[in-house]
Amino acid sequence: MSEDPTVFAAELTPYRSLGRQGFHVLLALSGGVCLIYGVFFMVTGAWPIGFFLGLDFLGLYIALRLSYRSGRAKEEVTVSRTNLSIRKVSPAGRVVEHRFNPFWARFGVNRHEEFGITSMYVTGEGRSTDVGSFLNPDDRESFAKAFRGALATVTQRL
């Protein structure tokens, strides 16, 4: 039995505006500033300020690391004539897959007048799952258009 050809495939990933090199530059600059001011305040006798500058730097480092960790999440969406699959991979690597029959699946969007699409979801066969919750508004619009077109193509071909 042959595999159904894929009509639509997309890998959705969160956008990170700061690349790996920018991450290192930002940490080096902020670390340098915290070190210079921390040493200055420690030498002048205000040692608690130096301690708190070190905590500030540590907090920035932890926040950026957590942000990059959450950036490892992804969603793989594929549509064929007989299957609609939404495979969600968490930052920790845990995989959850949702499968729908494309003829029964319905794609829905929640839209706000000012902000555009605020959420997208697929329902069918008594189940529902969200799609692309981490996408920015422009990416949501383009994904919604392409995904809706793929579902229409699959359900119209008989």
Protein backbone atom coordinates (compact mmCIF):
# COMPACT_ATOMS: atom_id res chain seq x y z
CA MET A 1 0.00 0.00 0.00
CA SER A 2 1.50 3.33 -1.01
CA GLU A 3 1.80 6.32 1.27
CA ASP A 4 -0.57 9.23 0.60
CA PRO A 5 1.29 12.20 -0.95
CA THR A 6 1.64 15.23 1.31
CA VAL A 7 -0.31 18.26 0.07
CA PHE A 8 0.88 20.68 2.75
CA ALA A 9 3.71 20.59 5.26
CA ALA A 10 4.84 23.34 7.63
CA GLU A 11 7.19 23.48 10.57
CA LEU A 12 6.22 26.27 12.95
CA THR A 13 8.87 27.60 15.34
CA PRO A 14 8.89 30.57 17.73
CA TYR A 15 10.71 33.66 16.50
CA ARG A 16 13.80 34.75 18.40
CA SER A 17 15.11 38.20 17.43
CA LEU A 18 18.47 37.69 19.11
CA GLY A 19 20.77 35.14 17.49
CA ARG A 20 23.51 33.14 19.18
CA GLN A 21 26.17 35.80 18.49
CA GLY A 22 23.87 38.59 19.72
CA PHE A 23 23.26 36.57 22.88
CA HIS A 24 27.00 36.44 23.60
CA VAL A 25 27.52 40.13 22.78
CA LEU A 26 24.61 41.19 25.02
CA LEU A 27 25.91 39.08 27.91
CA ALA A 28 29.48 40.37 27.46
CA LEU A 29 28.37 44.01 27.39
CA SER A 30 25.98 43.76 30.32
CA GLY A 31 28.48 41.64 32.26
CA GLY A 32 31.20 44.22 31.64
CA VAL A 33 29.00 47.10 32.79
CA CYS A 34 27.88 45.20 35.90
CA LEU A 35 31.49 44.26 36.68
CA ILE A 36 32.81 47.82 36.31
CA TYR A 37 30.05 49.36 38.42
CA GLY A 38 30.13 46.48 40.90
CA VAL A 39 33.88 46.91 41.50
CA PHE A 40 33.43 50.69 41.78
CA PHE A 41 30.72 50.37 44.43
CA MET A 42 32.63 47.69 46.34
CA VAL A 43 35.78 49.84 46.43
CA THR A 44 33.82 52.88 47.65
CA GLY A 45 32.29 50.85 50.48
CA ALA A 46 28.83 50.28 49.02
CA TRP A 47 29.35 46.52 48.67
CA PRO A 48 25.62 45.60 48.73
CA ILE A 49 25.16 47.44 45.42
CA GLY A 50 27.92 45.35 43.84
CA PHE A 51 26.21 42.20 45.11
CA PHE A 52 22.87 43.26 43.62
CA LEU A 53 24.49 44.12 40.27
CA GLY A 54 25.78 40.54 40.22
CA LEU A 55 22.27 39.29 40.92
CA ASP A 56 20.94 41.50 38.10
CA PHE A 57 23.40 39.93 35.68
CA LEU A 58 22.52 36.43 36.87
CA GLY A 59 18.80 37.22 36.42
CA LEU A 60 19.40 38.46 32.86
CA TYR A 61 21.38 35.32 32.03
CA ILE A 62 18.67 33.02 33.41
CA ALA A 63 15.89 34.91 31.59
CA LEU A 64 17.72 34.70 28.25
CA ARG A 65 18.50 31.00 28.72
CA LEU A 66 14.84 30.26 29.49
CA SER A 67 13.79 32.26 26.43
CA TYR A 68 16.12 30.28 24.18
CA ARG A 69 14.96 27.03 25.75
CA SER A 70 11.33 27.87 24.96
CA GLY A 71 12.46 28.65 21.40
CA ARG A 72 13.18 24.94 20.88
CA ALA A 73 9.44 24.22 20.76
CA LYS A 74 7.99 23.49 17.35
CA GLU A 75 4.88 22.26 15.60
CA GLU A 76 4.89 20.14 12.45
CA VAL A 77 1.67 20.37 10.46
CA THR A 78 1.08 18.01 7.53
CA VAL A 79 -1.97 17.52 5.37
CA SER A 80 -2.58 14.65 2.98
CA ARG A 81 -5.76 13.37 1.39
CA THR A 82 -6.42 10.95 4.26
CA ASN A 83 -4.65 12.53 7.24
CA LEU A 84 -4.19 15.87 8.97
CA SER A 85 -1.40 15.66 11.53
CA ILE A 86 -0.32 18.26 14.07
CA ARG A 87 2.83 17.15 15.87
CA LYS A 88 3.83 19.35 18.83
CA VAL A 89 7.34 19.12 20.26
CA SER A 90 7.89 20.80 23.64
CA PRO A 91 11.20 22.49 24.55
CA ALA A 92 12.04 19.41 26.65
CA GLY A 93 11.52 17.17 23.60
CA ARG A 94 8.16 15.68 24.59
CA VAL A 95 6.06 14.92 21.51
CA VAL A 96 2.26 15.04 21.31
CA GLU A 97 0.59 14.23 18.01
CA HIS A 98 -2.96 15.06 17.02
CA ARG A 99 -4.44 13.32 13.98
CA PHE A 100 -7.63 14.27 12.21
CA ASN A 101 -9.50 13.10 9.15
CA PRO A 102 -9.23 16.16 6.85
CA PHE A 103 -12.82 15.70 5.65
CA TRP A 104 -14.11 16.07 9.21
CA ALA A 105 -11.58 18.62 10.43
CA ARG A 106 -12.49 22.29 10.69
CA PHE A 107 -9.95 25.07 10.92
CA GLY A 108 -10.97 28.05 12.99
CA VAL A 109 -9.45 31.39 13.88
CA ASN A 110 -10.28 33.95 16.52
CA ARG A 111 -9.80 37.41 15.13
CA HIS A 112 -9.52 40.82 16.79
CA GLU A 113 -10.29 43.94 14.73
CA GLU A 114 -7.09 45.71 15.69
CA PHE A 115 -4.61 42.84 16.19
CA GLY A 116 -5.72 40.35 13.54
CA ILE A 117 -5.69 36.63 14.31
CA THR A 118 -5.29 36.01 18.03
CA SER A 119 -5.57 32.20 17.96
CA MET A 120 -5.98 29.31 15.54
CA TYR A 121 -7.36 25.84 16.19
CA VAL A 122 -8.41 22.61 14.48
CA THR A 123 -11.51 20.71 15.59
CA GLY A 124 -12.96 17.46 14.44
CA GLU A 125 -14.28 14.12 15.64
CA GLY A 126 -15.02 15.58 19.08
CA ARG A 127 -11.43 16.79 19.63
CA SER A 128 -9.72 20.15 19.35
CA THR A 129 -6.17 21.50 19.41
CA ASP A 130 -4.61 24.91 19.01
CA VAL A 131 -2.10 25.62 16.24
CA GLY A 132 0.74 28.15 16.11
CA SER A 133 0.01 29.83 19.42
CA PHE A 134 3.57 31.23 19.51
CA LEU A 135 3.48 32.80 16.03
CA ASN A 136 3.46 36.56 15.49
CA PRO A 137 0.35 38.12 13.84
CA ASP A 138 1.83 38.29 10.32
CA ASP A 139 2.95 34.65 10.43
CA ARG A 140 -0.47 33.63 11.73
CA GLU A 141 -2.15 35.34 8.77
CA SER A 142 0.10 33.67 6.19
CA PHE A 143 -0.14 30.25 7.86
CA ALA A 144 -3.92 30.50 8.14
CA LYS A 145 -4.25 31.36 4.45
CA ALA A 146 -1.97 28.52 3.31
CA PHE A 147 -3.46 25.94 5.71
CA ARG A 148 -7.03 26.85 4.83
CA GLY A 149 -6.13 26.52 1.13
CA ALA A 150 -4.55 23.10 1.70
CA LEU A 151 -7.63 21.82 3.53
CA ALA A 152 -9.87 23.12 0.76
CA THR A 153 -7.71 21.44 -1.89
CA VAL A 154 -7.76 18.08 -0.09
CA THR A 155 -11.50 18.06 0.59
CA GLN A 156 -12.45 19.13 -2.95
CA ARG A 157 -10.42 16.46 -4.76
CA LEU A 158 -12.29 13.22 -4.98
